Amino acid sequence: MKSTMRLSYIPHDKTVTVKKLDSNGALRRRLLDLGFVCGNSVMPLFSDFKNNITAYRVNGAVIALRRDDANSIFVEVDEEF
């Protein structure tokens, strides 16, 4: 069963699909430019010790996002965690 959740809640090494962005303006443009486009696959790789910044694999690149920015990305997951 597929469900939608915020990217910041996805455990490491789980591949998910971008569903929608809940942001506007410069942040939205930046996320789209980095590859967080509907339909793209994303995998959280690792976080800093405070879990404030997480590295994600998107389109073969590793992108680091703050938790607040990752909260604005909704993804589709295939299984329950």
C-alpha atoms as a PDB file:
ATOM      1  CA  MET A   1       0.000   0.000   0.000  1.00  0.00           C
ATOM      2  CA  LYS A   2       1.357   3.416  -0.928  1.00  0.00           C
ATOM      3  CA  SER A   3       1.194   6.378   1.397  1.00  0.00           C
ATOM      4  CA  THR A   4       2.454   9.964   1.379  1.00  0.00           C
ATOM      5  CA  MET A   5       4.754  11.426   4.027  1.00  0.00           C
ATOM      6  CA  ARG A   6       7.287  14.213   4.472  1.00  0.00           C
ATOM      7  CA  LEU A   7      10.810  13.474   3.258  1.00  0.00           C
ATOM      8  CA  SER A   8      12.335  14.328   6.645  1.00  0.00           C
ATOM      9  CA  TYR A   9      10.564  11.288   8.201  1.00  0.00           C
ATOM     10  CA  ILE A  10      11.970   8.701   5.783  1.00  0.00           C
ATOM     11  CA  PRO A  11      14.593   6.347   7.276  1.00  0.00           C
ATOM     12  CA  HIS A  12      18.046   6.113   5.713  1.00  0.00           C
ATOM     13  CA  ASP A  13      18.575   3.801   2.710  1.00  0.00           C
ATOM     14  CA  LYS A  14      14.864   3.731   1.761  1.00  0.00           C
ATOM     15  CA  THR A  15      14.080   4.872  -1.782  1.00  0.00           C
ATOM     16  CA  VAL A  16      10.949   6.999  -2.197  1.00  0.00           C
ATOM     17  CA  THR A  17       9.347   9.019  -5.002  1.00  0.00           C
ATOM     18  CA  VAL A  18       8.754  12.780  -4.883  1.00  0.00           C
ATOM     19  CA  LYS A  19       5.015  13.494  -4.927  1.00  0.00           C
ATOM     20  CA  LYS A  20       4.737  17.286  -4.402  1.00  0.00           C
ATOM     21  CA  LEU A  21       6.461  20.353  -2.983  1.00  0.00           C
ATOM     22  CA  ASP A  22       4.788  22.448  -0.307  1.00  0.00           C
ATOM     23  CA  SER A  23       6.894  25.583  -0.775  1.00  0.00           C
ATOM     24  CA  ASN A  24       6.890  28.803  -2.761  1.00  0.00           C
ATOM     25  CA  GLY A  25       9.309  31.326  -4.189  1.00  0.00           C
ATOM     26  CA  ALA A  26      13.064  30.883  -3.993  1.00  0.00           C
ATOM     27  CA  LEU A  27      12.946  27.672  -1.919  1.00  0.00           C
ATOM     28  CA  ARG A  28      10.630  25.976  -4.428  1.00  0.00           C
ATOM     29  CA  ARG A  29      12.846  27.027  -7.348  1.00  0.00           C
ATOM     30  CA  ARG A  30      15.965  25.790  -5.517  1.00  0.00           C
ATOM     31  CA  LEU A  31      14.420  22.403  -4.726  1.00  0.00           C
ATOM     32  CA  LEU A  32      13.272  21.953  -8.328  1.00  0.00           C
ATOM     33  CA  ASP A  33      16.730  22.915  -9.620  1.00  0.00           C
ATOM     34  CA  LEU A  34      18.323  20.352  -7.281  1.00  0.00           C
ATOM     35  CA  GLY A  35      16.136  17.571  -8.725  1.00  0.00           C
ATOM     36  CA  PHE A  36      13.258  17.338  -6.254  1.00  0.00           C
ATOM     37  CA  VAL A  37      10.755  17.071  -9.110  1.00  0.00           C
ATOM     38  CA  CYS A  38       7.559  14.988  -9.029  1.00  0.00           C
ATOM     39  CA  GLY A  39       8.362  11.426 -10.053  1.00  0.00           C
ATOM     40  CA  ASN A  40      12.084  11.512  -9.180  1.00  0.00           C
ATOM     41  CA  SER A  41      13.520   8.958  -6.761  1.00  0.00           C
ATOM     42  CA  VAL A  42      15.172  10.126  -3.537  1.00  0.00           C
ATOM     43  CA  MET A  43      17.112   8.175  -0.905  1.00  0.00           C
ATOM     44  CA  PRO A  44      18.207   9.564   2.485  1.00  0.00           C
ATOM     45  CA  LEU A  45      21.845   8.570   3.041  1.00  0.00           C
ATOM     46  CA  PHE A  46      23.013   9.962   6.382  1.00  0.00           C
ATOM     47  CA  SER A  47      22.406  12.791   8.868  1.00  0.00           C
ATOM     48  CA  ASP A  48      24.491  14.965  11.146  1.00  0.00           C
ATOM     49  CA  PHE A  49      24.558  14.045  14.834  1.00  0.00           C
ATOM     50  CA  LYS A  50      21.655  16.433  15.635  1.00  0.00           C
ATOM     51  CA  ASN A  51      19.515  15.192  12.702  1.00  0.00           C
ATOM     52  CA  ASN A  52      19.228  18.784  11.491  1.00  0.00           C
ATOM     53  CA  ILE A  53      20.905  18.192   8.115  1.00  0.00           C
ATOM     54  CA  THR A  54      20.471  15.084   5.967  1.00  0.00           C
ATOM     55  CA  ALA A  55      22.210  14.054   2.750  1.00  0.00           C
ATOM     56  CA  TYR A  56      19.946  12.683  -0.006  1.00  0.00           C
ATOM     57  CA  ARG A  57      20.766  10.935  -3.279  1.00  0.00           C
ATOM     58  CA  VAL A  58      18.815  12.580  -6.115  1.00  0.00           C
ATOM     59  CA  ASN A  59      19.550  12.026  -9.832  1.00  0.00           C
ATOM     60  CA  GLY A  60      22.930  10.492  -8.983  1.00  0.00           C
ATOM     61  CA  ALA A  61      24.025  13.508  -6.924  1.00  0.00           C
ATOM     62  CA  VAL A  62      24.235  13.874  -3.144  1.00  0.00           C
ATOM     63  CA  ILE A  63      22.295  16.900  -1.876  1.00  0.00           C
ATOM     64  CA  ALA A  64      22.211  18.079   1.759  1.00  0.00           C
ATOM     65  CA  LEU A  65      19.021  19.676   3.090  1.00  0.00           C
ATOM     66  CA  ARG A  66      18.010  21.157   6.411  1.00  0.00           C
ATOM     67  CA  ARG A  67      15.135  19.401   8.178  1.00  0.00           C
ATOM     68  CA  ASP A  68      12.844  22.425   7.617  1.00  0.00           C
ATOM     69  CA  ASP A  69      13.451  22.289   3.856  1.00  0.00           C
ATOM     70  CA  ALA A  70      12.940  18.507   3.721  1.00  0.00           C
ATOM     71  CA  ASN A  71       9.617  18.981   5.560  1.00  0.00           C
ATOM     72  CA  SER A  72       8.286  20.825   2.511  1.00  0.00           C
ATOM     73  CA  ILE A  73       8.812  17.784   0.242  1.00  0.00           C
ATOM     74  CA  PHE A  74       6.092  15.129   0.209  1.00  0.00           C
ATOM     75  CA  VAL A  75       7.065  11.678  -1.015  1.00  0.00           C
ATOM     76  CA  GLU A  76       5.268   8.455  -1.834  1.00  0.00           C
ATOM     77  CA  VAL A  77       6.395   5.334   0.011  1.00  0.00           C
ATOM     78  CA  ASP A  78       5.656   1.772  -1.062  1.00  0.00           C
ATOM     79  CA  GLU A  79       5.744   0.152   2.357  1.00  0.00           C
ATOM     80  CA  GLU A  80       5.230   0.935   6.014  1.00  0.00           C
ATOM     81  CA  PHE A  81       8.362   1.700   8.047  1.00  0.00           C
END
